[in-house]
Amino acid sequence: MNNTTLIIGGFTWDVRSRKLERINAGTLADNDASDDKKLSLTPKQFRLLHCLFHAHPNVLQRQEIVDFVWESKPTSPESLPQLINRTRSALEDSNKNILVNQPGIGYSLNFTVKKEPLAVNEQNDFENSAQPIPTDGVEAKPADLKIKLVMPVLMLLTLFNFGSAVEAAYYKHQFISAFFAMPYPYAKQIDNNNISIVIDNNECNYTKNTQLLTCQ
């Protein structure tokens, strides 16, 4: 898990932690700040926010959330709605703008990524780099031949990496769906080379070494 910090409603959240910090904690009175500036998530609330964060910007189906939060253990139909309501209450999400419900599909998490301020040295370097370099009337020399040759290669590598990032984002949701998918319940291992499979009430035998499926 990376060290991304999110802004969720009136809180900031380091996704590695179960604790959220209130953004306006500095305005609270001293006797109230120690109690109100921190919000501790329960383990299930943490897993709920965690799976919705990693599915963003996609909507995660209800069954996928249940499988992740409860680790595929049996649950009642009210378990997920109750967890959603408790988490909304903790996040002060009375308008339901943080845990967003997509009717008939599932839920998504509404957040923004917090941008960390530049360190003093980094800020100075950035400002200095933006200043034009005086030339004192001396004309700049032509670019070195090596730079001219390297630049097209760097541009090609950048385009390739961008394409890989787009492809990874495209397959991200499919991976999550496959990862949390329930195994086919009508398959039984006979031995190292044979598997018995029931398909539409027909018993079939799959042989691995020949990759043949034989049904009765």
Protein backbone atom coordinates (compact mmCIF):
# COMPACT_ATOMS: atom_id res chain seq x y z
CA MET A 1 0.00 0.00 0.00
CA ASN A 2 1.46 3.40 -0.94
CA ASN A 3 1.73 6.50 1.26
CA THR A 4 -0.99 8.50 -0.52
CA THR A 5 -2.85 11.04 1.63
CA LEU A 6 -6.48 11.75 0.70
CA ILE A 7 -8.95 14.49 1.57
CA ILE A 8 -12.28 12.83 2.43
CA GLY A 9 -14.95 15.33 3.38
CA GLY A 10 -13.63 17.22 6.41
CA PHE A 11 -10.82 14.73 7.09
CA THR A 12 -7.41 13.79 5.74
CA TRP A 13 -6.53 10.10 5.51
CA ASP A 14 -3.18 8.39 5.04
CA VAL A 15 -4.36 5.21 3.29
CA ARG A 16 -1.86 3.14 5.30
CA SER A 17 -3.51 4.12 8.60
CA ARG A 18 -6.82 3.46 10.31
CA LYS A 19 -6.84 7.02 11.66
CA LEU A 20 -8.25 10.11 9.96
CA GLU A 21 -7.45 13.66 11.04
CA ARG A 22 -9.95 16.50 11.01
CA ILE A 23 -8.84 19.29 8.67
CA ASN A 24 -10.10 22.14 10.88
CA ALA A 25 -8.75 20.61 14.10
CA GLY A 26 -6.66 23.74 14.73
CA THR A 27 -9.79 25.85 15.24
CA LEU A 28 -11.13 23.68 18.06
CA ALA A 29 -10.71 24.62 21.70
CA ASP A 30 -7.77 22.98 23.46
CA ASN A 31 -10.00 20.88 25.71
CA ASP A 32 -11.90 19.53 22.70
CA ALA A 33 -9.08 19.14 20.16
CA SER A 34 -7.62 15.98 21.68
CA ASP A 35 -10.96 14.17 21.39
CA ASP A 36 -12.24 15.56 18.09
CA LYS A 37 -9.24 15.99 15.82
CA LYS A 38 -8.75 12.24 15.29
CA LEU A 39 -11.16 9.65 13.89
CA SER A 40 -10.35 5.97 14.35
CA LEU A 41 -11.79 3.54 11.83
CA THR A 42 -12.92 0.06 12.76
CA PRO A 43 -11.21 -2.77 10.86
CA LYS A 44 -14.24 -3.22 8.60
CA GLN A 45 -14.56 0.53 7.97
CA PHE A 46 -10.87 0.57 7.04
CA ARG A 47 -11.29 -2.33 4.60
CA LEU A 48 -14.40 -0.64 3.13
CA LEU A 49 -12.56 2.63 2.39
CA HIS A 50 -9.50 0.69 1.25
CA CYS A 51 -11.33 -1.34 -1.42
CA LEU A 52 -13.33 1.68 -2.65
CA PHE A 53 -10.13 3.76 -2.89
CA HIS A 54 -8.34 1.14 -4.98
CA ALA A 55 -11.39 0.72 -7.25
CA HIS A 56 -11.61 4.48 -7.94
CA PRO A 57 -12.90 5.89 -10.26
CA ASN A 58 -14.96 2.76 -10.90
CA VAL A 59 -18.06 1.77 -8.95
CA LEU A 60 -17.49 -1.37 -6.87
CA GLN A 61 -20.35 -3.84 -6.88
CA ARG A 62 -22.00 -4.71 -3.55
CA GLN A 63 -20.93 -8.36 -3.67
CA GLU A 64 -17.32 -7.37 -4.40
CA ILE A 65 -17.36 -5.11 -1.34
CA VAL A 66 -18.86 -7.84 0.85
CA ASP A 67 -16.31 -10.40 -0.36
CA PHE A 68 -13.42 -8.05 0.45
CA VAL A 69 -14.63 -6.61 3.77
CA TRP A 70 -15.93 -9.88 5.23
CA GLU A 71 -13.32 -12.03 3.40
CA SER A 72 -16.02 -14.16 1.69
CA LYS A 73 -17.51 -15.21 5.05
CA PRO A 74 -21.32 -15.58 5.32
CA THR A 75 -23.13 -12.30 6.07
CA SER A 76 -26.70 -11.09 6.43
CA PRO A 77 -28.26 -8.86 3.73
CA GLU A 78 -28.17 -5.93 6.17
CA SER A 79 -24.45 -6.16 6.99
CA LEU A 80 -23.25 -3.90 4.17
CA PRO A 81 -25.99 -1.20 4.52
CA GLN A 82 -25.33 -1.04 8.26
CA LEU A 83 -21.58 -0.67 7.70
CA ILE A 84 -22.20 2.06 5.08
CA ASN A 85 -24.46 3.97 7.50
CA ARG A 86 -21.97 3.72 10.38
CA THR A 87 -19.11 4.89 8.15
CA ARG A 88 -21.15 7.79 6.78
CA SER A 89 -21.99 8.82 10.33
CA ALA A 90 -18.31 8.69 11.34
CA LEU A 91 -17.29 10.76 8.30
CA GLU A 92 -20.18 13.21 8.89
CA ASP A 93 -21.41 12.31 5.39
CA SER A 94 -25.02 13.37 5.97
CA ASN A 95 -25.48 14.33 2.30
CA LYS A 96 -24.06 10.99 1.10
CA ASN A 97 -21.45 12.76 -1.02
CA ILE A 98 -18.47 10.70 0.24
CA LEU A 99 -19.79 7.15 0.05
CA VAL A 100 -21.75 7.53 -3.17
CA ASN A 101 -24.45 4.98 -3.93
CA GLN A 102 -25.03 3.95 -7.53
CA PRO A 103 -28.54 2.39 -7.42
CA GLY A 104 -28.58 -1.21 -8.54
CA ILE A 105 -24.77 -1.35 -8.87
CA GLY A 106 -22.78 -0.52 -5.75
CA TYR A 107 -20.70 2.24 -4.18
CA SER A 108 -17.80 4.56 -5.01
CA LEU A 109 -15.58 6.79 -2.86
CA ASN A 110 -15.46 10.55 -3.49
CA PHE A 111 -12.09 12.04 -2.51
CA THR A 112 -9.21 14.24 -3.65
CA VAL A 113 -5.50 13.49 -3.34
CA LYS A 114 -3.69 15.85 -0.98
CA LYS A 115 -0.71 17.57 -2.56
CA GLU A 116 2.24 17.83 -0.21
CA PRO A 117 3.93 21.29 -0.10
CA LEU A 118 7.43 21.56 -1.51
CA ALA A 119 10.29 21.59 0.97
CA VAL A 120 12.15 24.91 1.35
CA ASN A 121 15.13 23.76 -0.71
CA GLU A 122 12.88 22.31 -3.40
CA GLN A 123 10.85 25.53 -3.51
CA ASN A 124 14.00 27.64 -3.90
CA ASP A 125 15.31 25.35 -6.63
CA PHE A 126 11.98 25.61 -8.43
CA GLU A 127 11.91 29.41 -8.22
CA ASN A 128 15.53 29.68 -9.33
CA SER A 129 14.91 27.39 -12.27
CA ALA A 130 12.09 29.68 -13.41
CA GLN A 131 14.39 32.71 -13.58
CA PRO A 132 15.98 33.43 -16.98
CA ILE A 133 19.75 33.00 -17.10
CA PRO A 134 21.50 36.21 -18.15
CA THR A 135 23.61 35.83 -21.24
CA ASP A 136 25.51 39.17 -21.03
CA GLY A 137 25.12 39.59 -24.77
CA VAL A 138 26.72 36.21 -25.63
CA GLU A 139 24.68 34.13 -28.05
CA ALA A 140 23.79 30.61 -26.99
CA LYS A 141 25.70 27.84 -28.69
CA PRO A 142 23.82 25.31 -30.89
CA ALA A 143 22.48 22.28 -29.05
CA ASP A 144 24.88 19.41 -28.81
CA LEU A 145 24.32 16.62 -31.35
CA LYS A 146 23.94 14.06 -28.56
CA ILE A 147 21.03 15.99 -27.07
CA LYS A 148 19.30 16.08 -30.46
CA LEU A 149 19.63 12.32 -30.71
CA VAL A 150 18.54 11.58 -27.14
CA MET A 151 15.40 13.76 -27.11
CA PRO A 152 13.41 11.69 -29.68
CA VAL A 153 14.27 8.52 -27.73
CA LEU A 154 13.04 10.07 -24.48
CA MET A 155 9.82 11.17 -26.17
CA LEU A 156 9.20 7.65 -27.48
CA LEU A 157 9.80 6.17 -24.01
CA THR A 158 7.38 8.70 -22.52
CA LEU A 159 4.66 7.78 -25.03
CA PHE A 160 5.26 4.07 -24.36
CA ASN A 161 4.96 4.55 -20.59
CA PHE A 162 1.79 6.59 -21.06
CA GLY A 163 0.26 3.81 -23.15
CA SER A 164 1.16 1.26 -20.47
CA ALA A 165 -0.48 3.43 -17.79
CA VAL A 166 -3.70 3.70 -19.83
CA GLU A 167 -3.75 -0.07 -20.38
CA ALA A 168 -3.20 -0.72 -16.65
CA ALA A 169 -6.09 1.57 -15.73
CA TYR A 170 -8.33 -0.20 -18.27
CA TYR A 171 -7.68 -3.65 -16.82
CA LYS A 172 -7.71 -2.54 -13.17
CA HIS A 173 -11.43 -3.09 -12.61
CA GLN A 174 -11.37 -6.42 -14.46
CA PHE A 175 -8.55 -7.57 -12.19
CA ILE A 176 -10.48 -6.61 -9.06
CA SER A 177 -13.56 -8.48 -10.32
CA ALA A 178 -11.52 -11.59 -11.12
CA PHE A 179 -9.63 -11.40 -7.82
CA PHE A 180 -12.80 -11.40 -5.73
CA ALA A 181 -14.78 -13.77 -7.96
CA MET A 182 -16.27 -16.84 -6.30
CA PRO A 183 -14.74 -20.15 -7.49
CA TYR A 184 -16.83 -22.47 -9.68
CA PRO A 185 -18.59 -24.73 -7.15
CA TYR A 186 -19.12 -27.76 -9.42
CA ALA A 187 -15.52 -28.79 -10.03
CA LYS A 188 -13.68 -31.55 -8.16
CA GLN A 189 -10.03 -32.61 -8.44
CA ILE A 190 -9.82 -36.35 -9.14
CA ASP A 191 -6.04 -36.62 -9.46
CA ASN A 192 -3.15 -34.52 -10.76
CA ASN A 193 -4.31 -34.97 -14.36
CA ASN A 194 -8.12 -35.16 -14.17
CA ILE A 195 -10.85 -32.82 -12.96
CA SER A 196 -14.54 -33.68 -12.69
CA ILE A 197 -16.84 -30.82 -13.75
CA VAL A 198 -20.67 -30.65 -13.76
CA ILE A 199 -22.01 -28.52 -16.62
CA ASP A 200 -25.82 -28.17 -16.99
CA ASN A 201 -26.33 -31.36 -14.92
CA ASN A 202 -23.92 -33.26 -17.20
CA GLU A 203 -20.85 -34.80 -15.60
CA CYS A 204 -17.71 -34.06 -17.61
CA ASN A 205 -14.07 -35.01 -17.24
CA TYR A 206 -11.23 -32.62 -18.12
CA THR A 207 -7.78 -34.13 -18.80
CA LYS A 208 -4.96 -31.64 -18.33
CA ASN A 209 -2.20 -33.23 -20.40
CA THR A 210 -4.42 -33.61 -23.48
CA GLN A 211 -6.61 -30.55 -22.70
CA LEU A 212 -9.72 -32.56 -23.60
CA LEU A 213 -13.18 -32.14 -22.04
CA THR A 214 -15.35 -35.27 -22.25
CA CYS A 215 -19.00 -35.21 -21.14
CA GLN A 216 -21.36 -38.14 -20.66
